[in-house]
Amino acid sequence: MNISNDIHNYYEKLVVQHFTAGKFDEKYDTDFLADLTCIVLNQLPTRYIRHEVDMSFYLPASERFEMESNVKAAVAKALEFMKSQPAVKS
């Protein structure tokens, strides 16, 4: 079994969906997005799944809404933090 291919954190998908809907790739560069993603995911609980269909079929709508709300709050908090940091020059 290869864990990296078989098991993943469902919140990763929700964060990517949020970034896509908000067109973050048009607003921020790759390095900023990578750092932002780490900060966002570190604020969220883990929800490991093996198959996407499991979450789609078994996740109650109320729990899905709560997870999406958690992502929105974590993204807002992470953006505030990232924007408050001084730019690092190489």
PDB file of N, CA and C in Angstrom:
ATOM      1  N   MET A   1       0.845  -1.178   0.000  1.00  0.00           N
ATOM      2  CA  MET A   1       0.000   0.000   0.000  1.00  0.00           C
ATOM      3  C   MET A   1       0.887   1.237   0.000  1.00  0.00           C
ATOM      4  N   ASN A   2       0.516   2.195  -0.803  1.00  0.00           N
ATOM      5  CA  ASN A   2       1.211   3.461  -0.856  1.00  0.00           C
ATOM      6  C   ASN A   2       0.290   4.520  -0.246  1.00  0.00           C
ATOM      7  N   ILE A   3       0.596   4.932   0.959  1.00  0.00           N
ATOM      8  CA  ILE A   3      -0.287   5.851   1.675  1.00  0.00           C
ATOM      9  C   ILE A   3      -0.483   7.148   0.906  1.00  0.00           C
ATOM     10  N   SER A   4       0.550   7.677   0.300  1.00  0.00           N
ATOM     11  CA  SER A   4       0.420   8.970  -0.356  1.00  0.00           C
ATOM     12  C   SER A   4      -0.570   8.940  -1.520  1.00  0.00           C
ATOM     13  N   ASN A   5      -0.775   7.803  -2.136  1.00  0.00           N
ATOM     14  CA  ASN A   5      -1.724   7.712  -3.241  1.00  0.00           C
ATOM     15  C   ASN A   5      -3.106   7.237  -2.809  1.00  0.00           C
ATOM     16  N   ASP A   6      -3.179   6.497  -1.721  1.00  0.00           N
ATOM     17  CA  ASP A   6      -4.438   5.879  -1.315  1.00  0.00           C
ATOM     18  C   ASP A   6      -5.229   6.680  -0.289  1.00  0.00           C
ATOM     19  N   ILE A   7      -4.548   7.458   0.523  1.00  0.00           N
ATOM     20  CA  ILE A   7      -5.199   8.146   1.629  1.00  0.00           C
ATOM     21  C   ILE A   7      -4.844   9.632   1.565  1.00  0.00           C
ATOM     22  N   HIS A   8      -5.853  10.474   1.744  1.00  0.00           N
ATOM     23  CA  HIS A   8      -5.566  11.907   1.779  1.00  0.00           C
ATOM     24  C   HIS A   8      -6.535  12.637   2.706  1.00  0.00           C
ATOM     25  N   ASN A   9      -6.174  13.852   3.025  1.00  0.00           N
ATOM     26  CA  ASN A   9      -6.969  14.689   3.908  1.00  0.00           C
ATOM     27  C   ASN A   9      -8.026  15.410   3.074  1.00  0.00           C
ATOM     28  N   TYR A  10      -9.278  15.184   3.381  1.00  0.00           N
ATOM     29  CA  TYR A  10     -10.380  15.767   2.614  1.00  0.00           C
ATOM     30  C   TYR A  10     -10.353  17.292   2.648  1.00  0.00           C
ATOM     31  N   TYR A  11      -9.846  17.863   3.725  1.00  0.00           N
ATOM     32  CA  TYR A  11      -9.764  19.321   3.800  1.00  0.00           C
ATOM     33  C   TYR A  11      -8.875  19.902   2.702  1.00  0.00           C
ATOM     34  N   GLU A  12      -7.896  19.141   2.227  1.00  0.00           N
ATOM     35  CA  GLU A  12      -7.051  19.623   1.127  1.00  0.00           C
ATOM     36  C   GLU A  12      -7.915  19.937  -0.097  1.00  0.00           C
ATOM     37  N   LYS A  13      -8.849  19.058  -0.396  1.00  0.00           N
ATOM     38  CA  LYS A  13      -9.736  19.271  -1.541  1.00  0.00           C
ATOM     39  C   LYS A  13     -10.600  20.514  -1.323  1.00  0.00           C
ATOM     40  N   LEU A  14     -11.123  20.666  -0.121  1.00  0.00           N
ATOM     41  CA  LEU A  14     -11.972  21.820   0.161  1.00  0.00           C
ATOM     42  C   LEU A  14     -11.196  23.134   0.050  1.00  0.00           C
ATOM     43  N   VAL A  15      -9.948  23.133   0.486  1.00  0.00           N
ATOM     44  CA  VAL A  15      -9.120  24.335   0.378  1.00  0.00           C
ATOM     45  C   VAL A  15      -8.858  24.653  -1.091  1.00  0.00           C
ATOM     46  N   VAL A  16      -8.512  23.656  -1.879  1.00  0.00           N
ATOM     47  CA  VAL A  16      -8.274  23.870  -3.310  1.00  0.00           C
ATOM     48  C   VAL A  16      -9.537  24.392  -3.987  1.00  0.00           C
ATOM     49  N   GLN A  17     -10.688  23.841  -3.639  1.00  0.00           N
ATOM     50  CA  GLN A  17     -11.951  24.321  -4.205  1.00  0.00           C
ATOM     51  C   GLN A  17     -12.190  25.787  -3.847  1.00  0.00           C
ATOM     52  N   HIS A  18     -11.894  26.150  -2.617  1.00  0.00           N
ATOM     53  CA  HIS A  18     -12.070  27.535  -2.179  1.00  0.00           C
ATOM     54  C   HIS A  18     -11.128  28.465  -2.950  1.00  0.00           C
ATOM     55  N   PHE A  19      -9.881  28.049  -3.112  1.00  0.00           N
ATOM     56  CA  PHE A  19      -8.913  28.854  -3.868  1.00  0.00           C
ATOM     57  C   PHE A  19      -9.354  28.999  -5.320  1.00  0.00           C
ATOM     58  N   THR A  20      -9.853  27.926  -5.906  1.00  0.00           N
ATOM     59  CA  THR A  20     -10.294  27.956  -7.302  1.00  0.00           C
ATOM     60  C   THR A  20     -11.489  28.891  -7.466  1.00  0.00           C
ATOM     61  N   ALA A  21     -12.467  28.775  -6.587  1.00  0.00           N
ATOM     62  CA  ALA A  21     -13.657  29.625  -6.659  1.00  0.00           C
ATOM     63  C   ALA A  21     -13.293  31.099  -6.489  1.00  0.00           C
ATOM     64  N   GLY A  22     -12.306  31.378  -5.650  1.00  0.00           N
ATOM     65  CA  GLY A  22     -11.879  32.749  -5.414  1.00  0.00           C
ATOM     66  C   GLY A  22     -10.824  33.249  -6.383  1.00  0.00           C
ATOM     67  N   LYS A  23     -10.460  32.403  -7.361  1.00  0.00           N
ATOM     68  CA  LYS A  23      -9.438  32.739  -8.364  1.00  0.00           C
ATOM     69  C   LYS A  23      -8.138  33.219  -7.707  1.00  0.00           C
ATOM     70  N   PHE A  24      -7.748  32.518  -6.675  1.00  0.00           N
ATOM     71  CA  PHE A  24      -6.536  32.887  -5.952  1.00  0.00           C
ATOM     72  C   PHE A  24      -5.307  32.811  -6.841  1.00  0.00           C
ATOM     73  N   ASP A  25      -5.303  31.904  -7.813  1.00  0.00           N
ATOM     74  CA  ASP A  25      -4.142  31.771  -8.695  1.00  0.00           C
ATOM     75  C   ASP A  25      -3.942  33.025  -9.549  1.00  0.00           C
ATOM     76  N   GLU A  26      -4.977  33.827  -9.717  1.00  0.00           N
ATOM     77  CA  GLU A  26      -4.871  35.087 -10.459  1.00  0.00           C
ATOM     78  C   GLU A  26      -4.444  36.242  -9.547  1.00  0.00           C
ATOM     79  N   LYS A  27      -4.606  36.058  -8.252  1.00  0.00           N
ATOM     80  CA  LYS A  27      -4.319  37.120  -7.280  1.00  0.00           C
ATOM     81  C   LYS A  27      -2.950  36.984  -6.621  1.00  0.00           C
ATOM     82  N   TYR A  28      -2.479  35.741  -6.491  1.00  0.00           N
ATOM     83  CA  TYR A  28      -1.278  35.476  -5.711  1.00  0.00           C
ATOM     84  C   TYR A  28      -0.310  34.583  -6.488  1.00  0.00           C
ATOM     85  N   ASP A  29       0.978  34.725  -6.190  1.00  0.00           N
ATOM     86  CA  ASP A  29       1.959  33.871  -6.866  1.00  0.00           C
ATOM     87  C   ASP A  29       2.040  32.498  -6.188  1.00  0.00           C
ATOM     88  N   THR A  30       2.758  31.606  -6.828  1.00  0.00           N
ATOM     89  CA  THR A  30       2.845  30.213  -6.379  1.00  0.00           C
ATOM     90  C   THR A  30       3.416  30.088  -4.973  1.00  0.00           C
ATOM     91  N   ASP A  31       4.463  30.848  -4.656  1.00  0.00           N
ATOM     92  CA  ASP A  31       5.065  30.765  -3.323  1.00  0.00           C
ATOM     93  C   ASP A  31       4.090  31.232  -2.246  1.00  0.00           C
ATOM     94  N   PHE A  32       3.386  32.319  -2.514  1.00  0.00           N
ATOM     95  CA  PHE A  32       2.400  32.825  -1.561  1.00  0.00           C
ATOM     96  C   PHE A  32       1.314  31.778  -1.327  1.00  0.00           C
ATOM     97  N   LEU A  33       0.829  31.169  -2.415  1.00  0.00           N
ATOM     98  CA  LEU A  33      -0.222  30.157  -2.293  1.00  0.00           C
ATOM     99  C   LEU A  33       0.246  28.929  -1.531  1.00  0.00           C
ATOM    100  N   ALA A  34       1.485  28.528  -1.743  1.00  0.00           N
ATOM    101  CA  ALA A  34       2.012  27.361  -1.019  1.00  0.00           C
ATOM    102  C   ALA A  34       2.059  27.647   0.476  1.00  0.00           C
ATOM    103  N   ASP A  35       2.562  28.833   0.845  1.00  0.00           N
ATOM    104  CA  ASP A  35       2.615  29.200   2.260  1.00  0.00           C
ATOM    105  C   ASP A  35       1.207  29.341   2.839  1.00  0.00           C
ATOM    106  N   LEU A  36       0.333  29.969   2.079  1.00  0.00           N
ATOM    107  CA  LEU A  36      -1.047  30.147   2.521  1.00  0.00           C
ATOM    108  C   LEU A  36      -1.720  28.804   2.762  1.00  0.00           C
ATOM    109  N   THR A  37      -1.523  27.876   1.855  1.00  0.00           N
ATOM    110  CA  THR A  37      -2.113  26.540   1.984  1.00  0.00           C
ATOM    111  C   THR A  37      -1.655  25.865   3.271  1.00  0.00           C
ATOM    112  N   CYS A  38      -0.375  25.955   3.566  1.00  0.00           N
ATOM    113  CA  CYS A  38       0.147  25.340   4.794  1.00  0.00           C
ATOM    114  C   CYS A  38      -0.487  25.967   6.029  1.00  0.00           C
ATOM    115  N   ILE A  39      -0.579  27.291   6.039  1.00  0.00           N
ATOM    116  CA  ILE A  39      -1.148  27.972   7.202  1.00  0.00           C
ATOM    117  C   ILE A  39      -2.625  27.621   7.361  1.00  0.00           C
ATOM    118  N   VAL A  40      -3.342  27.564   6.258  1.00  0.00           N
ATOM    119  CA  VAL A  40      -4.767  27.216   6.311  1.00  0.00           C
ATOM    120  C   VAL A  40      -4.939  25.792   6.831  1.00  0.00           C
ATOM    121  N   LEU A  41      -4.234  24.836   6.237  1.00  0.00           N
ATOM    122  CA  LEU A  41      -4.412  23.435   6.627  1.00  0.00           C
ATOM    123  C   LEU A  41      -3.979  23.171   8.066  1.00  0.00           C
ATOM    124  N   ASN A  42      -2.997  23.917   8.554  1.00  0.00           N
ATOM    125  CA  ASN A  42      -2.566  23.737   9.940  1.00  0.00           C
ATOM    126  C   ASN A  42      -3.608  24.219  10.941  1.00  0.00           C
ATOM    127  N   GLN A  43      -4.549  25.035  10.500  1.00  0.00           N
ATOM    128  CA  GLN A  43      -5.632  25.498  11.381  1.00  0.00           C
ATOM    129  C   GLN A  43      -6.808  24.525  11.424  1.00  0.00           C
ATOM    130  N   LEU A  44      -6.881  23.653  10.449  1.00  0.00           N
ATOM    131  CA  LEU A  44      -8.038  22.770  10.287  1.00  0.00           C
ATOM    132  C   LEU A  44      -7.769  21.371  10.845  1.00  0.00           C
ATOM    133  N   PRO A  45      -8.819  20.702  11.285  1.00  0.00           N
ATOM    134  CA  PRO A  45      -8.628  19.307  11.707  1.00  0.00           C
ATOM    135  C   PRO A  45      -8.363  18.443  10.468  1.00  0.00           C
ATOM    136  N   THR A  46      -7.865  17.275  10.692  1.00  0.00           N
ATOM    137  CA  THR A  46      -7.670  16.357   9.565  1.00  0.00           C
ATOM    138  C   THR A  46      -8.894  15.487   9.416  1.00  0.00           C
ATOM    139  N   ARG A  47      -9.178  15.164   8.188  1.00  0.00           N
ATOM    140  CA  ARG A  47     -10.306  14.267   7.881  1.00  0.00           C
ATOM    141  C   ARG A  47      -9.834  13.353   6.765  1.00  0.00           C
ATOM    142  N   TYR A  48      -9.209  12.263   7.152  1.00  0.00           N
ATOM    143  CA  TYR A  48      -8.624  11.369   6.167  1.00  0.00           C
ATOM    144  C   TYR A  48      -9.679  10.498   5.508  1.00  0.00           C
ATOM    145  N   ILE A  49      -9.532  10.353   4.208  1.00  0.00           N
ATOM    146  CA  ILE A  49     -10.426   9.497   3.435  1.00  0.00           C
ATOM    147  C   ILE A  49      -9.602   8.691   2.451  1.00  0.00           C
ATOM    148  N   ARG A  50     -10.212   7.657   1.975  1.00  0.00           N
ATOM    149  CA  ARG A  50      -9.572   6.831   0.957  1.00  0.00           C
ATOM    150  C   ARG A  50     -10.208   7.075  -0.403  1.00  0.00           C
ATOM    151  N   HIS A  51     -11.522   7.179  -0.438  1.00  0.00           N
ATOM    152  CA  HIS A  51     -12.238   7.373  -1.698  1.00  0.00           C
ATOM    153  C   HIS A  51     -13.127   8.603  -1.594  1.00  0.00           C
ATOM    154  N   GLU A  52     -13.070   9.425  -2.595  1.00  0.00           N
ATOM    155  CA  GLU A  52     -13.880  10.636  -2.666  1.00  0.00           C
ATOM    156  C   GLU A  52     -15.369  10.324  -2.536  1.00  0.00           C
ATOM    157  N   VAL A  53     -15.797   9.244  -3.139  1.00  0.00           N
ATOM    158  CA  VAL A  53     -17.210   8.872  -3.125  1.00  0.00           C
ATOM    159  C   VAL A  53     -17.710   8.628  -1.698  1.00  0.00           C
ATOM    160  N   ASP A  54     -16.830   8.190  -0.810  1.00  0.00           N
ATOM    161  CA  ASP A  54     -17.228   7.967   0.581  1.00  0.00           C
ATOM    162  C   ASP A  54     -17.714   9.265   1.216  1.00  0.00           C
ATOM    163  N   MET A  55     -17.009  10.353   0.972  1.00  0.00           N
ATOM    164  CA  MET A  55     -17.397  11.634   1.549  1.00  0.00           C
ATOM    165  C   MET A  55     -18.671  12.152   0.885  1.00  0.00           C
ATOM    166  N   SER A  56     -18.772  11.996  -0.398  1.00  0.00           N
ATOM    167  CA  SER A  56     -19.948  12.488  -1.110  1.00  0.00           C
ATOM    168  C   SER A  56     -21.212  11.764  -0.662  1.00  0.00           C
ATOM    169  N   PHE A  57     -21.089  10.484  -0.428  1.00  0.00           N
ATOM    170  CA  PHE A  57     -22.256   9.668  -0.108  1.00  0.00           C
ATOM    171  C   PHE A  57     -22.630   9.713   1.371  1.00  0.00           C
ATOM    172  N   TYR A  58     -21.621   9.682   2.244  1.00  0.00           N
ATOM    173  CA  TYR A  58     -21.895   9.530   3.676  1.00  0.00           C
ATOM    174  C   TYR A  58     -21.867  10.817   4.483  1.00  0.00           C
ATOM    175  N   LEU A  59     -21.367  11.905   3.932  1.00  0.00           N
ATOM    176  CA  LEU A  59     -21.246  13.142   4.685  1.00  0.00           C
ATOM    177  C   LEU A  59     -22.574  13.902   4.710  1.00  0.00           C
ATOM    178  N   PRO A  60     -23.135  14.124   5.897  1.00  0.00           N
ATOM    179  CA  PRO A  60     -24.386  14.890   5.972  1.00  0.00           C
ATOM    180  C   PRO A  60     -24.166  16.328   5.491  1.00  0.00           C
ATOM    181  N   ALA A  61     -25.199  16.922   4.921  1.00  0.00           N
ATOM    182  CA  ALA A  61     -25.091  18.285   4.392  1.00  0.00           C
ATOM    183  C   ALA A  61     -24.660  19.272   5.473  1.00  0.00           C
ATOM    184  N   SER A  62     -25.136  19.084   6.673  1.00  0.00           N
ATOM    185  CA  SER A  62     -24.780  20.002   7.768  1.00  0.00           C
ATOM    186  C   SER A  62     -23.286  19.936   8.086  1.00  0.00           C
ATOM    187  N   GLU A  63     -22.728  18.747   8.034  1.00  0.00           N
ATOM    188  CA  GLU A  63     -21.299  18.596   8.312  1.00  0.00           C
ATOM    189  C   GLU A  63     -20.469  19.169   7.162  1.00  0.00           C
ATOM    190  N   ARG A  64     -20.917  18.959   5.947  1.00  0.00           N
ATOM    191  CA  ARG A  64     -20.229  19.529   4.777  1.00  0.00           C
ATOM    192  C   ARG A  64     -20.229  21.057   4.880  1.00  0.00           C
ATOM    193  N   PHE A  65     -21.369  21.647   5.236  1.00  0.00           N
ATOM    194  CA  PHE A  65     -21.470  23.095   5.394  1.00  0.00           C
ATOM    195  C   PHE A  65     -20.509  23.580   6.476  1.00  0.00           C
ATOM    196  N   GLU A  66     -20.449  22.868   7.587  1.00  0.00           N
ATOM    197  CA  GLU A  66     -19.550  23.234   8.681  1.00  0.00           C
ATOM    198  C   GLU A  66     -18.090  23.165   8.222  1.00  0.00           C
ATOM    199  N   MET A  67     -17.735  22.138   7.480  1.00  0.00           N
ATOM    200  CA  MET A  67     -16.364  22.003   6.979  1.00  0.00           C
ATOM    201  C   MET A  67     -16.026  23.154   6.037  1.00  0.00           C
ATOM    202  N   GLU A  68     -16.943  23.509   5.152  1.00  0.00           N
ATOM    203  CA  GLU A  68     -16.708  24.617   4.226  1.00  0.00           C
ATOM    204  C   GLU A  68     -16.595  25.944   4.981  1.00  0.00           C
ATOM    205  N   SER A  69     -17.399  26.114   6.017  1.00  0.00           N
ATOM    206  CA  SER A  69     -17.312  27.326   6.844  1.00  0.00           C
ATOM    207  C   SER A  69     -15.968  27.395   7.564  1.00  0.00           C
ATOM    208  N   ASN A  70     -15.504  26.255   8.051  1.00  0.00           N
ATOM    209  CA  ASN A  70     -14.187  26.193   8.699  1.00  0.00           C
ATOM    210  C   ASN A  70     -13.083  26.588   7.733  1.00  0.00           C
ATOM    211  N   VAL A  71     -13.193  26.141   6.484  1.00  0.00           N
ATOM    212  CA  VAL A  71     -12.194  26.489   5.468  1.00  0.00           C
ATOM    213  C   VAL A  71     -12.209  27.993   5.215  1.00  0.00           C
ATOM    214  N   LYS A  72     -13.395  28.561   5.036  1.00  0.00           N
ATOM    215  CA  LYS A  72     -13.494  30.009   4.784  1.00  0.00           C
ATOM    216  C   LYS A  72     -12.870  30.813   5.920  1.00  0.00           C
ATOM    217  N   ALA A  73     -13.165  30.427   7.146  1.00  0.00           N
ATOM    218  CA  ALA A  73     -12.611  31.142   8.308  1.00  0.00           C
ATOM    219  C   ALA A  73     -11.096  30.989   8.374  1.00  0.00           C
ATOM    220  N   ALA A  74     -10.601  29.792   8.116  1.00  0.00           N
ATOM    221  CA  ALA A  74      -9.161  29.547   8.161  1.00  0.00           C
ATOM    222  C   ALA A  74      -8.439  30.317   7.061  1.00  0.00           C
ATOM    223  N   VAL A  75      -9.040  30.394   5.881  1.00  0.00           N
ATOM    224  CA  VAL A  75      -8.434  31.143   4.775  1.00  0.00           C
ATOM    225  C   VAL A  75      -8.388  32.627   5.122  1.00  0.00           C
ATOM    226  N   ALA A  76      -9.478  33.159   5.639  1.00  0.00           N
ATOM    227  CA  ALA A  76      -9.511  34.580   5.999  1.00  0.00           C
ATOM    228  C   ALA A  76      -8.443  34.902   7.047  1.00  0.00           C
ATOM    229  N   LYS A  77      -8.334  34.060   8.050  1.00  0.00           N
ATOM    230  CA  LYS A  77      -7.343  34.270   9.107  1.00  0.00           C
ATOM    231  C   LYS A  77      -5.919  34.158   8.549  1.00  0.00           C
ATOM    232  N   ALA A  78      -5.687  33.178   7.683  1.00  0.00           N
ATOM    233  CA  ALA A  78      -4.359  32.985   7.104  1.00  0.00           C
ATOM    234  C   ALA A  78      -3.987  34.149   6.181  1.00  0.00           C
ATOM    235  N   LEU A  79      -4.943  34.632   5.399  1.00  0.00           N
ATOM    236  CA  LEU A  79      -4.674  35.780   4.526  1.00  0.00           C
ATOM    237  C   LEU A  79      -4.319  37.015   5.343  1.00  0.00           C
ATOM    238  N   GLU A  80      -5.055  37.227   6.408  1.00  0.00           N
ATOM    239  CA  GLU A  80      -4.765  38.359   7.285  1.00  0.00           C
ATOM    240  C   GLU A  80      -3.350  38.250   7.841  1.00  0.00           C
ATOM    241  N   PHE A  81      -2.985  37.059   8.281  1.00  0.00           N
ATOM    242  CA  PHE A  81      -1.644  36.835   8.813  1.00  0.00           C
ATOM    243  C   PHE A  81      -0.579  37.056   7.740  1.00  0.00           C
ATOM    244  N   MET A  82      -0.775  36.453   6.569  1.00  0.00           N
ATOM    245  CA  MET A  82       0.222  36.555   5.490  1.00  0.00           C
ATOM    246  C   MET A  82       0.416  38.004   5.041  1.00  0.00           C
ATOM    247  N   LYS A  83      -0.662  38.734   4.931  1.00  0.00           N
ATOM    248  CA  LYS A  83      -0.572  40.119   4.465  1.00  0.00           C
ATOM    249  C   LYS A  83       0.046  41.040   5.523  1.00  0.00           C
ATOM    250  N   SER A  84       0.020  40.630   6.772  1.00  0.00           N
ATOM    251  CA  SER A  84       0.585  41.458   7.834  1.00  0.00           C
ATOM    252  C   SER A  84       2.097  41.270   7.989  1.00  0.00           C
ATOM    253  N   GLN A  85       2.624  40.236   7.324  1.00  0.00           N
ATOM    254  CA  GLN A  85       4.048  39.940   7.448  1.00  0.00           C
ATOM    255  C   GLN A  85       4.846  40.794   6.459  1.00  0.00           C
ATOM    256  N   PRO A  86       6.020  41.263   6.895  1.00  0.00           N
ATOM    257  CA  PRO A  86       6.856  42.030   5.958  1.00  0.00           C
ATOM    258  C   PRO A  86       7.340  41.130   4.828  1.00  0.00           C
ATOM    259  N   ALA A  87       7.453  41.698   3.646  1.00  0.00           N
ATOM    260  CA  ALA A  87       7.933  40.933   2.491  1.00  0.00           C
ATOM    261  C   ALA A  87       9.376  40.542   2.721  1.00  0.00           C
ATOM    262  N   VAL A  88       9.700  39.308   2.406  1.00  0.00           N
ATOM    263  CA  VAL A  88      11.063  38.802   2.546  1.00  0.00           C
ATOM    264  C   VAL A  88      11.762  38.965   1.201  1.00  0.00           C
ATOM    265  N   LYS A  89      12.906  39.596   1.219  1.00  0.00           N
ATOM    266  CA  LYS A  89      13.685  39.793  -0.001  1.00  0.00           C
ATOM    267  C   LYS A  89      14.768  38.721  -0.068  1.00  0.00           C
ATOM    268  N   SER A  90      14.972  38.158  -1.259  1.00  0.00           N
ATOM    269  CA  SER A  90      16.002  37.121  -1.417  1.00  0.00           C
ATOM    270  C   SER A  90      17.348  37.746  -1.675  1.00  0.00           C
TER     271      SER A  90
END
